[in-house]
Protein backbone atom coordinates (compact mmCIF):
# COMPACT_ATOMS: atom_id res chain seq x y z
CA MET A 1 -6.41 81.75 38.86
CA THR A 2 -7.81 78.24 38.50
CA LYS A 3 -10.72 79.10 40.80
CA LYS A 4 -11.64 82.12 38.64
CA ILE A 5 -11.70 79.99 35.49
CA PHE A 6 -13.74 77.29 37.26
CA PHE A 7 -16.34 79.77 38.52
CA SER A 8 -16.49 81.51 35.14
CA LEU A 9 -17.19 78.20 33.39
CA LEU A 10 -19.71 77.31 36.07
CA LEU A 11 -21.60 80.58 35.53
CA VAL A 12 -21.62 80.12 31.76
CA SER A 13 -22.87 76.54 32.17
CA LEU A 14 -25.64 77.62 34.53
CA PHE A 15 -26.70 80.31 32.05
CA PHE A 16 -27.12 77.78 29.23
CA VAL A 17 -28.95 75.35 31.50
CA SER A 18 -31.32 78.12 32.61
CA PHE A 19 -31.86 79.51 29.10
CA PRO A 20 -31.46 76.63 26.63
CA PRO A 21 -31.34 77.49 22.92
CA THR A 22 -34.59 76.92 21.04
CA ALA A 23 -34.91 74.21 18.41
CA LYS A 24 -36.22 76.74 15.89
CA ALA A 25 -34.00 79.05 13.91
CA ALA A 26 -34.74 81.92 16.23
CA GLY A 27 -33.73 85.31 14.98
CA MET A 28 -34.31 84.63 11.30
CA VAL A 29 -36.49 87.23 9.64
CA ASP A 30 -39.31 86.65 7.21
CA PHE A 31 -42.14 88.50 5.49
CA TYR A 32 -45.87 87.84 5.50
CA GLY A 33 -49.02 89.15 3.89
CA GLY A 34 -52.62 88.05 4.03
CA VAL A 35 -55.84 88.18 6.00
CA ILE A 36 -56.21 88.14 9.78
CA GLU A 37 -58.26 85.04 10.62
CA GLN A 38 -58.21 85.30 14.42
CA VAL A 39 -56.86 87.51 17.20
CA THR A 40 -55.79 86.13 20.61
CA TYR A 41 -55.05 88.43 23.55
CA CYS A 42 -52.26 87.80 26.07
CA THR A 43 -53.81 88.92 29.37
CA CYS A 44 -50.86 88.73 31.78
CA TRP A 45 -49.99 92.16 33.22
CA TYR A 46 -46.33 91.94 32.14
CA ASP A 47 -47.00 90.29 28.75
CA LEU A 48 -49.59 92.63 27.26
CA ALA A 49 -49.53 91.45 23.67
CA VAL A 50 -51.76 90.22 20.86
CA VAL A 51 -51.26 87.09 18.75
CA VAL A 52 -52.51 87.71 15.22
CA HIS A 53 -53.32 84.61 13.12
CA VAL A 54 -52.57 85.59 9.51
CA LYS A 55 -53.53 83.42 6.53
CA ASP A 56 -50.37 84.03 4.48
CA ILE A 57 -51.00 84.37 0.75
CA VAL A 58 -47.61 83.04 -0.36
CA THR A 59 -47.44 79.90 1.80
CA ASN A 60 -51.21 79.40 2.06
CA ARG A 61 -50.86 78.57 5.76
CA THR A 62 -51.78 80.36 8.96
CA ILE A 63 -48.88 82.12 10.69
CA LYS A 64 -49.30 83.09 14.36
CA LEU A 65 -47.51 86.38 14.99
CA LYS A 66 -47.10 88.13 18.34
CA TYR A 67 -47.53 91.90 18.43
CA VAL A 68 -45.75 93.35 21.47
CA TRP A 69 -46.42 97.07 21.94
CA TYR A 70 -42.81 97.95 22.87
CA LEU A 71 -41.10 95.64 20.30
CA SER A 72 -43.35 95.83 17.25
CA THR A 73 -44.30 98.72 14.99
CA LEU A 74 -47.98 99.21 14.12
CA HIS A 75 -48.57 101.18 10.93
CA PRO A 76 -51.90 102.78 9.80
CA PHE A 77 -54.77 101.85 9.75
CA TYR A 78 -54.11 100.17 13.14
CA GLN A 79 -56.72 97.43 12.66
CA ILE A 80 -54.93 94.36 14.04
CA PHE A 81 -57.49 93.84 16.79
CA THR A 82 -60.19 92.50 14.44
CA SER A 83 -60.35 89.69 11.91
CA GLN A 84 -60.88 89.87 8.12
CA VAL A 85 -58.36 92.70 7.67
CA CYS A 86 -55.50 92.60 5.14
CA VAL A 87 -52.03 92.92 6.65
CA ILE A 88 -48.45 92.96 5.41
CA GLY A 89 -45.13 93.19 7.22
CA GLY A 90 -42.14 91.38 8.65
CA TYR A 91 -41.39 89.22 11.65
CA THR A 92 -38.58 87.53 13.51
CA LYS A 93 -39.00 83.77 13.90
CA GLY A 94 -39.28 82.36 17.38
CA SER A 95 -41.33 83.85 20.20
CA PRO A 96 -42.28 82.86 23.75
CA LYS A 97 -45.80 81.65 24.50
CA CYS A 98 -48.57 84.10 25.14
CA ARG A 99 -48.86 84.44 28.93
CA ASN A 100 -52.37 84.56 30.37
CA THR A 101 -53.73 85.44 33.79
CA SER A 102 -54.70 82.47 35.94
CA GLY A 103 -56.19 83.85 39.14
CA TRP A 104 -53.51 86.10 40.67
CA TYR A 105 -50.72 84.53 38.62
CA CYS A 106 -49.60 84.39 35.01
CA SER A 107 -49.20 81.08 33.20
CA ASP A 108 -47.77 79.84 29.89
CA SER A 109 -51.11 78.34 28.90
CA GLY A 110 -51.57 80.67 25.93
CA THR A 111 -50.93 80.40 22.21
CA LYS A 112 -47.40 79.60 20.96
CA PRO A 113 -46.63 82.10 18.17
CA ASP A 114 -44.42 81.37 15.17
CA GLY A 115 -42.67 84.72 15.54
CA THR A 116 -42.73 88.30 16.77
CA ILE A 117 -43.73 91.20 14.54
CA ASP A 118 -40.55 93.26 14.29
CA TYR A 119 -39.76 96.90 14.90
CA VAL A 120 -38.28 97.78 11.51
CA ARG A 121 -40.96 96.46 9.16
CA GLY A 122 -43.78 96.02 11.66
CA ILE A 123 -47.34 95.37 10.56
CA GLY A 124 -49.48 97.47 8.26
CA THR A 125 -53.21 97.10 7.73
CA SER A 126 -55.62 98.03 4.99
CA GLY A 127 -58.27 100.69 5.50
CA ILE A 128 -60.75 98.63 3.48
CA GLY A 129 -61.73 94.96 3.40
CA CYS A 130 -59.67 92.62 1.27
CA THR A 131 -59.93 89.53 -0.85
CA THR A 132 -57.03 87.17 -1.39
CA GLY A 133 -58.24 85.05 -4.26
CA HIS A 134 -57.84 81.89 -2.12
CA ASN A 135 -60.74 79.80 -0.90
């Protein structure tokens, strides 16, 4: 019995050493709305994603959000691949770095997003250009 407890604790310890908790409040949800300033592509074959840099109207700062095709919802007009488009939606704070191809391998050399665009609220874009009223 003592050996089972020891090995169970050992496995749990190894799990937390391998996957340490992040310093951010990962999992917290938030909203955003503003203009896309820049789009960065994650080129690794198993991390096909896009990091959208949104100039948030409420906070007046740029928020880097990762759109992952199987985790995030993309609403009409589907224009997240270009800049100067108005967007609104929700995201979950905390996201791994954008992985890029380096020769035959993938590396963590990409952009570190502030969060991942979520499935429930997703991201919606405007069909027309937008102005925010900020300079």
